[in-house]
């Protein structure tokens, strides 16, 4: 019957104890490799999960930034619309005031052409100057008030966005 021992053993080079020791060493190395691979796989899985979580946070932040920027753009557009409408209204007021002043001046000049004396002409001229000055001051005050009101209305959407930004960034800080 043929022996099952390796040829190296037959030649007297290895003993059973050497083979057992070598086998245990190989088994320990294989076990260590398996443990290392398991730990590496676990580390890779953990790293992959962290990368995925980081990417999800980055995407959420990007979406929030886009949404916030869109809100800023909408506020800016609304502010511009308020401003344009307000300036148009102010222009109409100025035009109406100028038209009324022109008509009053023309009426006074027509009246001057029919005066009988220099005193009457001077009285008409003084009355026109006084009335024009009073109306100019009154209209100037109205336009100033309307301008301040328009500015407040036009800046309100932008102010609201700034307030929101301060609140949002104060929470995240």
N, C-alpha and C. Protein backbone atom coordinates (compact mmCIF):
# COMPACT_ATOMS: atom_id res chain seq x y z
N UNK A 1 0.83 -1.16 0.00
CA UNK A 1 0.00 0.00 0.00
C UNK A 1 0.88 1.23 0.00
N UNK A 2 0.44 2.16 -0.75
CA UNK A 2 1.24 3.35 -0.92
C UNK A 2 0.97 4.33 0.21
N UNK A 3 1.99 5.00 0.64
CA UNK A 3 1.85 5.93 1.75
C UNK A 3 1.25 7.23 1.28
N UNK A 4 0.46 7.87 2.16
CA UNK A 4 -0.21 9.13 1.84
C UNK A 4 0.65 10.32 2.21
N UNK A 5 1.83 10.06 2.68
CA UNK A 5 2.71 11.15 3.11
C UNK A 5 3.29 11.83 1.89
N UNK A 6 3.48 13.15 1.94
CA UNK A 6 4.10 13.84 0.81
C UNK A 6 5.52 13.34 0.60
N UNK A 7 6.00 13.48 -0.61
CA UNK A 7 7.32 13.00 -0.96
C UNK A 7 8.39 13.65 -0.11
N UNK A 8 8.16 14.93 0.28
CA UNK A 8 9.15 15.60 1.10
C UNK A 8 9.27 14.91 2.44
N UNK A 9 8.16 14.41 2.97
CA UNK A 9 8.19 13.71 4.25
C UNK A 9 8.92 12.38 4.09
N UNK A 10 8.67 11.73 2.99
CA UNK A 10 9.30 10.44 2.75
C UNK A 10 10.81 10.60 2.68
N UNK A 11 11.22 11.73 2.13
CA UNK A 11 12.65 11.95 2.00
C UNK A 11 13.27 12.33 3.33
N UNK A 12 12.43 12.53 4.34
CA UNK A 12 12.93 12.83 5.66
C UNK A 12 13.10 14.30 5.94
N UNK A 13 12.54 15.14 5.12
CA UNK A 13 12.74 16.56 5.28
C UNK A 13 11.72 17.17 6.23
N UNK A 14 10.51 16.67 6.27
CA UNK A 14 9.47 17.25 7.12
C UNK A 14 8.93 16.17 8.04
N UNK A 15 8.62 16.63 9.22
CA UNK A 15 8.01 15.71 10.18
C UNK A 15 6.55 16.05 10.31
N UNK A 16 5.81 15.19 10.98
CA UNK A 16 4.39 15.46 11.22
C UNK A 16 4.22 16.75 12.01
N UNK A 17 5.09 16.97 12.91
CA UNK A 17 5.02 18.18 13.74
C UNK A 17 5.24 19.43 12.90
N UNK A 18 6.16 19.37 11.96
CA UNK A 18 6.44 20.49 11.06
C UNK A 18 5.22 20.78 10.20
N UNK A 19 4.61 19.72 9.71
CA UNK A 19 3.43 19.88 8.86
C UNK A 19 2.30 20.49 9.69
N UNK A 20 2.13 20.01 10.90
CA UNK A 20 1.07 20.53 11.78
C UNK A 20 1.32 22.00 12.08
N UNK A 21 2.53 22.36 12.38
CA UNK A 21 2.88 23.74 12.67
C UNK A 21 2.65 24.61 11.43
N UNK A 22 3.08 24.13 10.30
CA UNK A 22 2.90 24.89 9.05
C UNK A 22 1.42 25.04 8.74
N UNK A 23 0.67 23.97 8.95
CA UNK A 23 -0.77 24.02 8.68
C UNK A 23 -1.44 25.02 9.61
N UNK A 24 -1.07 25.00 10.89
CA UNK A 24 -1.63 25.96 11.85
C UNK A 24 -1.25 27.38 11.45
N UNK A 25 -0.04 27.57 11.00
CA UNK A 25 0.40 28.90 10.55
C UNK A 25 -0.40 29.38 9.35
N UNK A 26 -0.60 28.46 8.41
CA UNK A 26 -1.38 28.81 7.22
C UNK A 26 -2.83 29.11 7.61
N UNK A 27 -3.37 28.27 8.52
CA UNK A 27 -4.73 28.50 8.98
C UNK A 27 -4.85 29.85 9.70
N UNK A 28 -3.86 30.19 10.52
CA UNK A 28 -3.86 31.47 11.22
C UNK A 28 -3.76 32.63 10.23
N UNK A 29 -2.91 32.47 9.21
CA UNK A 29 -2.77 33.50 8.18
C UNK A 29 -4.08 33.68 7.42
N UNK A 30 -4.71 32.57 7.06
CA UNK A 30 -5.99 32.62 6.35
C UNK A 30 -7.04 33.28 7.24
N UNK A 31 -7.03 32.90 8.52
CA UNK A 31 -7.98 33.49 9.47
C UNK A 31 -7.75 34.99 9.60
N UNK A 32 -6.47 35.38 9.70
CA UNK A 32 -6.15 36.81 9.79
C UNK A 32 -6.57 37.55 8.52
N UNK A 33 -6.36 36.91 7.36
CA UNK A 33 -6.78 37.52 6.10
C UNK A 33 -8.29 37.70 6.05
N UNK A 34 -9.00 36.64 6.51
CA UNK A 34 -10.46 36.72 6.54
C UNK A 34 -10.91 37.85 7.47
N UNK A 35 -10.30 37.94 8.67
CA UNK A 35 -10.64 39.00 9.61
C UNK A 35 -10.34 40.37 9.01
N UNK A 36 -9.19 40.48 8.37
CA UNK A 36 -8.81 41.74 7.74
C UNK A 36 -9.77 42.14 6.63
N UNK A 37 -10.16 41.15 5.84
CA UNK A 37 -11.10 41.43 4.75
C UNK A 37 -12.47 41.81 5.32
N UNK A 38 -12.88 41.15 6.39
CA UNK A 38 -14.16 41.48 7.02
C UNK A 38 -14.12 42.90 7.57
N UNK A 39 -13.00 43.23 8.25
CA UNK A 39 -12.86 44.59 8.79
C UNK A 39 -12.78 45.62 7.66
N UNK A 40 -12.09 45.31 6.60
CA UNK A 40 -11.98 46.22 5.46
C UNK A 40 -13.35 46.42 4.82
N UNK A 41 -14.10 45.32 4.67
CA UNK A 41 -15.44 45.42 4.08
C UNK A 41 -16.34 46.27 4.98
N UNK A 42 -16.24 46.06 6.31
CA UNK A 42 -17.04 46.85 7.25
C UNK A 42 -16.63 48.32 7.18
N UNK A 43 -15.33 48.57 7.11
CA UNK A 43 -14.84 49.96 6.99
C UNK A 43 -15.30 50.59 5.70
N UNK A 44 -15.24 49.83 4.62
CA UNK A 44 -15.70 50.33 3.32
C UNK A 44 -17.19 50.65 3.37
N UNK A 45 -17.97 49.76 3.97
CA UNK A 45 -19.41 49.97 4.09
C UNK A 45 -19.69 51.21 4.93
N UNK A 46 -18.96 51.38 6.03
CA UNK A 46 -19.14 52.55 6.89
C UNK A 46 -18.75 53.83 6.15
N UNK A 47 -17.64 53.79 5.44
CA UNK A 47 -17.20 54.95 4.66
C UNK A 47 -18.21 55.28 3.58
N UNK A 48 -18.70 54.24 2.91
CA UNK A 48 -19.70 54.44 1.87
C UNK A 48 -20.96 55.08 2.45
N UNK A 49 -21.39 54.66 3.64
CA UNK A 49 -22.57 55.23 4.29
C UNK A 49 -22.33 56.70 4.65
N UNK A 50 -21.12 56.99 5.14
CA UNK A 50 -20.80 58.38 5.50
C UNK A 50 -20.75 59.26 4.25
N UNK A 51 -20.18 58.75 3.17
CA UNK A 51 -20.13 59.52 1.92
C UNK A 51 -21.55 59.77 1.42
N UNK A 52 -22.39 58.75 1.47
CA UNK A 52 -23.77 58.89 1.03
C UNK A 52 -24.50 59.92 1.88
N UNK A 53 -24.31 59.87 3.19
CA UNK A 53 -24.93 60.83 4.10
C UNK A 53 -24.43 62.25 3.80
N UNK A 54 -23.14 62.37 3.58
CA UNK A 54 -22.57 63.68 3.24
C UNK A 54 -23.13 64.22 1.93
N UNK A 55 -23.27 63.36 0.94
CA UNK A 55 -23.83 63.77 -0.35
C UNK A 55 -25.29 64.19 -0.20
N UNK A 56 -26.05 63.45 0.62
CA UNK A 56 -27.45 63.81 0.85
C UNK A 56 -27.55 65.17 1.52
N UNK A 57 -26.68 65.42 2.51
CA UNK A 57 -26.67 66.73 3.18
C UNK A 57 -26.28 67.83 2.19
N UNK A 58 -25.30 67.56 1.36
CA UNK A 58 -24.86 68.55 0.37
C UNK A 58 -25.98 68.85 -0.62
N UNK A 59 -26.69 67.83 -1.06
CA UNK A 59 -27.81 68.02 -2.00
C UNK A 59 -28.93 68.81 -1.35
N UNK A 60 -29.22 68.49 -0.09
CA UNK A 60 -30.27 69.22 0.64
C UNK A 60 -29.88 70.69 0.78
N UNK A 61 -28.62 70.93 1.13
CA UNK A 61 -28.14 72.30 1.26
C UNK A 61 -28.22 73.04 -0.07
N UNK A 62 -27.85 72.36 -1.14
CA UNK A 62 -27.92 72.97 -2.47
C UNK A 62 -29.37 73.29 -2.84
N UNK A 63 -30.28 72.37 -2.55
CA UNK A 63 -31.70 72.61 -2.83
C UNK A 63 -32.22 73.80 -2.03
N UNK A 64 -31.83 73.88 -0.75
CA UNK A 64 -32.24 75.00 0.10
C UNK A 64 -31.67 76.31 -0.44
N UNK A 65 -30.43 76.27 -0.88
CA UNK A 65 -29.80 77.48 -1.43
C UNK A 65 -30.51 77.94 -2.69
N UNK A 66 -30.84 77.00 -3.57
CA UNK A 66 -31.57 77.34 -4.80
C UNK A 66 -32.93 77.92 -4.45
N UNK A 67 -33.62 77.29 -3.52
CA UNK A 67 -34.94 77.76 -3.11
C UNK A 67 -34.84 79.16 -2.49
N UNK A 68 -33.85 79.36 -1.64
CA UNK A 68 -33.68 80.66 -1.00
C UNK A 68 -33.33 81.73 -2.03
N UNK A 69 -32.46 81.38 -2.96
CA UNK A 69 -32.09 82.33 -4.02
C UNK A 69 -33.29 82.67 -4.90
N UNK A 70 -34.13 81.69 -5.15
CA UNK A 70 -35.34 81.93 -5.94
C UNK A 70 -36.25 82.91 -5.19
N UNK A 71 -36.37 82.74 -3.88
CA UNK A 71 -37.16 83.67 -3.06
C UNK A 71 -36.58 85.07 -3.12
N UNK A 72 -35.25 85.16 -3.11
CA UNK A 72 -34.60 86.48 -3.20
C UNK A 72 -34.92 87.15 -4.54
N UNK A 73 -34.86 86.36 -5.61
CA UNK A 73 -35.15 86.90 -6.94
C UNK A 73 -36.60 87.36 -7.01
N UNK A 74 -37.52 86.56 -6.45
CA UNK A 74 -38.93 86.94 -6.46
C UNK A 74 -39.15 88.24 -5.68
N UNK A 75 -38.47 88.38 -4.53
CA UNK A 75 -38.58 89.61 -3.73
C UNK A 75 -38.04 90.80 -4.51
N UNK A 76 -36.94 90.60 -5.21
CA UNK A 76 -36.35 91.68 -6.00
C UNK A 76 -37.29 92.10 -7.13
N UNK A 77 -37.89 91.11 -7.80
CA UNK A 77 -38.84 91.42 -8.88
C UNK A 77 -40.07 92.14 -8.34
N UNK A 78 -40.58 91.70 -7.21
CA UNK A 78 -41.74 92.35 -6.61
C UNK A 78 -41.40 93.79 -6.22
N UNK A 79 -40.23 93.98 -5.66
CA UNK A 79 -39.78 95.31 -5.29
C UNK A 79 -39.70 96.22 -6.52
N UNK A 80 -39.16 95.68 -7.61
CA UNK A 80 -39.07 96.45 -8.85
C UNK A 80 -40.43 96.81 -9.41
N UNK A 81 -41.38 95.88 -9.31
CA UNK A 81 -42.74 96.16 -9.79
C UNK A 81 -43.39 97.27 -8.96
N UNK A 82 -43.24 97.18 -7.65
CA UNK A 82 -43.79 98.22 -6.76
C UNK A 82 -43.17 99.56 -7.11
N UNK A 83 -41.85 99.58 -7.29
CA UNK A 83 -41.14 100.82 -7.60
C UNK A 83 -41.62 101.41 -8.93
N UNK A 84 -41.71 100.57 -9.95
CA UNK A 84 -42.12 101.05 -11.28
C UNK A 84 -43.53 101.61 -11.24
N UNK A 85 -44.44 100.92 -10.57
CA UNK A 85 -45.82 101.41 -10.46
C UNK A 85 -45.86 102.71 -9.68
N UNK A 86 -45.10 102.78 -8.60
CA UNK A 86 -45.06 103.99 -7.78
C UNK A 86 -44.49 105.18 -8.53
N UNK A 87 -43.41 104.96 -9.26
CA UNK A 87 -42.81 106.05 -10.04
C UNK A 87 -43.79 106.53 -11.11
N UNK A 88 -44.51 105.60 -11.71
CA UNK A 88 -45.52 105.97 -12.71
C UNK A 88 -46.61 106.83 -12.06
N UNK A 89 -47.06 106.45 -10.87
CA UNK A 89 -48.07 107.24 -10.16
C UNK A 89 -47.53 108.62 -9.80
N UNK A 90 -46.29 108.68 -9.32
CA UNK A 90 -45.69 109.97 -8.98
C UNK A 90 -45.56 110.85 -10.23
N UNK A 91 -45.20 110.25 -11.33
CA UNK A 91 -45.08 111.00 -12.59
C UNK A 91 -46.42 111.58 -13.00
N UNK A 92 -47.48 110.80 -12.82
CA UNK A 92 -48.83 111.30 -13.14
C UNK A 92 -49.19 112.47 -12.25
N UNK A 93 -48.83 112.38 -10.95
CA UNK A 93 -49.11 113.49 -10.03
C UNK A 93 -48.35 114.75 -10.44
N UNK A 94 -47.09 114.58 -10.79
CA UNK A 94 -46.28 115.73 -11.21
C UNK A 94 -46.86 116.34 -12.49
N UNK A 95 -47.25 115.49 -13.43
CA UNK A 95 -47.83 115.99 -14.69
C UNK A 95 -49.14 116.72 -14.43
N UNK A 96 -49.98 116.17 -13.57
CA UNK A 96 -51.26 116.82 -13.25
C UNK A 96 -51.02 118.16 -12.57
N UNK A 97 -50.06 118.21 -11.68
CA UNK A 97 -49.73 119.46 -10.98
C UNK A 97 -49.18 120.50 -11.96
N UNK A 98 -48.31 120.06 -12.86
CA UNK A 98 -47.74 120.98 -13.86
C UNK A 98 -48.83 121.49 -14.79
N UNK A 99 -49.75 120.62 -15.19
CA UNK A 99 -50.86 121.02 -16.06
C UNK A 99 -51.73 122.07 -15.36
N UNK A 100 -52.05 121.82 -14.09
CA UNK A 100 -52.88 122.77 -13.33
C UNK A 100 -52.16 124.11 -13.19
N UNK A 101 -50.86 124.07 -12.92
CA UNK A 101 -50.08 125.30 -12.78
C UNK A 101 -50.03 126.06 -14.11
N UNK A 102 -49.86 125.34 -15.21
CA UNK A 102 -49.83 125.96 -16.54
C UNK A 102 -51.16 126.63 -16.84
N UNK A 103 -52.26 125.94 -16.56
CA UNK A 103 -53.60 126.49 -16.82
C UNK A 103 -53.84 127.73 -15.97
N UNK A 104 -53.40 127.72 -14.72
CA UNK A 104 -53.57 128.90 -13.85
C UNK A 104 -52.74 130.07 -14.37
N UNK A 105 -51.52 129.78 -14.80
CA UNK A 105 -50.66 130.84 -15.34
C UNK A 105 -51.27 131.43 -16.61
N UNK A 106 -51.77 130.59 -17.51
CA UNK A 106 -52.40 131.08 -18.74
C UNK A 106 -53.64 131.91 -18.42
N UNK A 107 -54.41 131.48 -17.44
CA UNK A 107 -55.61 132.23 -17.04
C UNK A 107 -55.21 133.60 -16.51
N UNK A 108 -54.15 133.64 -15.73
CA UNK A 108 -53.68 134.93 -15.18
C UNK A 108 -53.19 135.84 -16.30
N UNK A 109 -52.44 135.30 -17.26
CA UNK A 109 -51.96 136.13 -18.37
C UNK A 109 -53.12 136.66 -19.22
N UNK A 110 -54.16 135.84 -19.41
CA UNK A 110 -55.35 136.31 -20.13
C UNK A 110 -56.02 137.45 -19.37
N UNK A 111 -56.09 137.28 -18.05
CA UNK A 111 -56.70 138.31 -17.22
C UNK A 111 -55.87 139.59 -17.28
N UNK A 112 -54.55 139.46 -17.40
CA UNK A 112 -53.68 140.65 -17.46
C UNK A 112 -53.91 141.44 -18.74
N UNK A 113 -54.29 140.74 -19.78
CA UNK A 113 -54.50 141.46 -21.05
C UNK A 113 -55.73 142.37 -21.00
N UNK A 114 -56.57 142.16 -20.02
CA UNK A 114 -57.78 142.97 -19.94
C UNK A 114 -57.78 143.91 -18.73
N UNK A 115 -56.64 144.09 -18.07
CA UNK A 115 -56.59 144.98 -16.90
C UNK A 115 -56.64 146.43 -17.34
N UNK A 116 -57.15 147.27 -16.47
CA UNK A 116 -57.30 148.70 -16.76
C UNK A 116 -56.13 149.52 -16.23
N UNK A 117 -55.41 148.94 -15.22
CA UNK A 117 -54.34 149.75 -14.65
C UNK A 117 -53.12 148.88 -14.34
N UNK A 118 -52.02 149.58 -14.14
CA UNK A 118 -50.78 148.91 -13.79
C UNK A 118 -50.90 148.25 -12.42
N UNK A 119 -51.63 148.88 -11.51
CA UNK A 119 -51.84 148.33 -10.17
C UNK A 119 -52.58 146.99 -10.26
N UNK A 120 -53.62 146.91 -11.09
CA UNK A 120 -54.35 145.66 -11.25
C UNK A 120 -53.44 144.56 -11.83
N UNK A 121 -52.57 144.91 -12.75
CA UNK A 121 -51.63 143.95 -13.33
C UNK A 121 -50.66 143.46 -12.27
N UNK A 122 -50.17 144.40 -11.44
CA UNK A 122 -49.23 144.04 -10.37
C UNK A 122 -49.93 143.15 -9.35
N UNK A 123 -51.18 143.44 -9.03
CA UNK A 123 -51.94 142.62 -8.08
C UNK A 123 -52.14 141.19 -8.62
N UNK A 124 -52.48 141.11 -9.92
CA UNK A 124 -52.65 139.79 -10.54
C UNK A 124 -51.32 139.00 -10.52
N UNK A 125 -50.25 139.69 -10.85
CA UNK A 125 -48.93 139.05 -10.87
C UNK A 125 -48.55 138.59 -9.46
N UNK A 126 -48.77 139.39 -8.45
CA UNK A 126 -48.44 139.04 -7.07
C UNK A 126 -49.30 137.86 -6.60
N UNK A 127 -50.58 137.90 -6.97
CA UNK A 127 -51.48 136.80 -6.61
C UNK A 127 -51.02 135.49 -7.25
N UNK A 128 -50.65 135.57 -8.54
CA UNK A 128 -50.15 134.38 -9.24
C UNK A 128 -48.89 133.85 -8.56
N UNK A 129 -47.97 134.73 -8.23
CA UNK A 129 -46.71 134.32 -7.60
C UNK A 129 -46.98 133.67 -6.24
N UNK A 130 -47.85 134.28 -5.44
CA UNK A 130 -48.17 133.75 -4.11
C UNK A 130 -48.84 132.36 -4.24
N UNK A 131 -49.84 132.27 -5.12
CA UNK A 131 -50.56 131.01 -5.32
C UNK A 131 -49.62 129.93 -5.85
N UNK A 132 -48.78 130.29 -6.79
CA UNK A 132 -47.83 129.33 -7.35
C UNK A 132 -46.87 128.82 -6.28
N UNK A 133 -46.38 129.72 -5.44
CA UNK A 133 -45.46 129.34 -4.36
C UNK A 133 -46.15 128.42 -3.37
N UNK A 134 -47.37 128.76 -2.96
CA UNK A 134 -48.12 127.93 -2.00
C UNK A 134 -48.38 126.53 -2.57
N UNK A 135 -48.81 126.49 -3.83
CA UNK A 135 -49.09 125.20 -4.45
C UNK A 135 -47.81 124.39 -4.65
N UNK A 136 -46.73 125.06 -5.01
CA UNK A 136 -45.45 124.37 -5.19
C UNK A 136 -44.98 123.73 -3.88
N UNK A 137 -45.10 124.50 -2.79
CA UNK A 137 -44.71 123.95 -1.49
C UNK A 137 -45.61 122.79 -1.08
N UNK A 138 -46.90 122.93 -1.29
CA UNK A 138 -47.85 121.86 -0.95
C UNK A 138 -47.57 120.61 -1.79
N UNK A 139 -47.41 120.81 -3.09
CA UNK A 139 -47.13 119.67 -3.98
C UNK A 139 -45.79 119.02 -3.65
N UNK A 140 -44.81 119.85 -3.32
CA UNK A 140 -43.50 119.32 -2.96
C UNK A 140 -43.62 118.43 -1.72
N UNK A 141 -44.37 118.87 -0.73
CA UNK A 141 -44.59 118.08 0.48
C UNK A 141 -45.30 116.77 0.17
N UNK A 142 -46.32 116.84 -0.70
CA UNK A 142 -47.06 115.63 -1.08
C UNK A 142 -46.14 114.65 -1.80
N UNK A 143 -45.33 115.19 -2.73
CA UNK A 143 -44.41 114.32 -3.47
C UNK A 143 -43.34 113.70 -2.57
N UNK A 144 -42.87 114.47 -1.61
CA UNK A 144 -41.89 113.95 -0.66
C UNK A 144 -42.50 112.82 0.16
N UNK A 145 -43.70 113.04 0.68
CA UNK A 145 -44.38 111.99 1.46
C UNK A 145 -44.64 110.75 0.60
N UNK A 146 -45.12 110.97 -0.62
CA UNK A 146 -45.40 109.85 -1.52
C UNK A 146 -44.11 109.10 -1.87
N UNK A 147 -43.01 109.84 -2.03
CA UNK A 147 -41.72 109.21 -2.35
C UNK A 147 -41.23 108.34 -1.19
N UNK A 148 -41.34 108.85 0.03
CA UNK A 148 -40.94 108.07 1.20
C UNK A 148 -41.81 106.81 1.34
N UNK A 149 -43.11 106.98 1.14
CA UNK A 149 -44.02 105.85 1.23
C UNK A 149 -43.69 104.81 0.16
N UNK A 150 -43.43 105.27 -1.06
CA UNK A 150 -43.07 104.37 -2.14
C UNK A 150 -41.78 103.62 -1.82
N UNK A 151 -40.81 104.33 -1.30
CA UNK A 151 -39.53 103.70 -0.95
C UNK A 151 -39.74 102.61 0.10
N UNK A 152 -40.55 102.91 1.12
CA UNK A 152 -40.84 101.91 2.16
C UNK A 152 -41.53 100.68 1.55
N UNK A 153 -42.50 100.92 0.67
CA UNK A 153 -43.23 99.81 0.06
C UNK A 153 -42.31 98.98 -0.85
N UNK A 154 -41.47 99.65 -1.61
CA UNK A 154 -40.59 98.96 -2.56
C UNK A 154 -39.52 98.15 -1.84
N UNK A 155 -39.05 98.64 -0.72
CA UNK A 155 -37.98 97.95 -0.01
C UNK A 155 -38.51 96.86 0.93
N UNK A 156 -39.81 96.85 1.19
CA UNK A 156 -40.40 95.87 2.12
C UNK A 156 -40.12 94.42 1.73
N UNK A 157 -40.30 94.00 0.47
CA UNK A 157 -40.00 92.59 0.14
C UNK A 157 -38.53 92.23 0.36
N UNK A 158 -37.64 93.16 0.08
CA UNK A 158 -36.21 92.90 0.27
C UNK A 158 -35.88 92.84 1.76
N UNK A 159 -36.48 93.73 2.53
CA UNK A 159 -36.28 93.72 3.98
C UNK A 159 -36.76 92.41 4.58
N UNK A 160 -37.89 91.92 4.09
CA UNK A 160 -38.41 90.64 4.58
C UNK A 160 -37.44 89.51 4.28
N UNK A 161 -36.82 89.50 3.11
CA UNK A 161 -35.85 88.46 2.75
C UNK A 161 -34.60 88.56 3.62
N UNK A 162 -34.15 89.78 3.90
CA UNK A 162 -32.98 89.96 4.76
C UNK A 162 -33.28 89.43 6.16
N UNK A 163 -34.47 89.74 6.67
CA UNK A 163 -34.87 89.25 7.98
C UNK A 163 -34.90 87.72 7.99
N UNK A 164 -35.46 87.13 6.95
CA UNK A 164 -35.51 85.67 6.84
C UNK A 164 -34.10 85.08 6.80
N UNK A 165 -33.22 85.72 6.05
CA UNK A 165 -31.84 85.24 5.95
C UNK A 165 -31.14 85.28 7.31
N UNK A 166 -31.34 86.37 8.03
CA UNK A 166 -30.72 86.50 9.36
C UNK A 166 -31.24 85.41 10.28
N UNK A 167 -32.56 85.17 10.27
CA UNK A 167 -33.14 84.13 11.10
C UNK A 167 -32.61 82.75 10.71
N UNK A 168 -32.56 82.49 9.42
CA UNK A 168 -32.13 81.17 8.92
C UNK A 168 -30.67 80.91 9.26
N UNK A 169 -29.81 81.90 9.05
CA UNK A 169 -28.39 81.70 9.30
C UNK A 169 -28.07 81.73 10.78
N UNK A 170 -28.89 82.41 11.58
CA UNK A 170 -28.69 82.41 13.02
C UNK A 170 -28.99 81.03 13.59
N UNK A 171 -29.98 80.34 13.02
CA UNK A 171 -30.33 78.98 13.47
C UNK A 171 -29.22 77.99 13.13
N UNK A 172 -28.64 78.13 11.95
CA UNK A 172 -27.64 77.17 11.50
C UNK A 172 -26.26 77.43 12.11
N UNK A 173 -26.07 78.60 12.67
CA UNK A 173 -24.75 78.93 13.24
C UNK A 173 -24.55 78.35 14.61
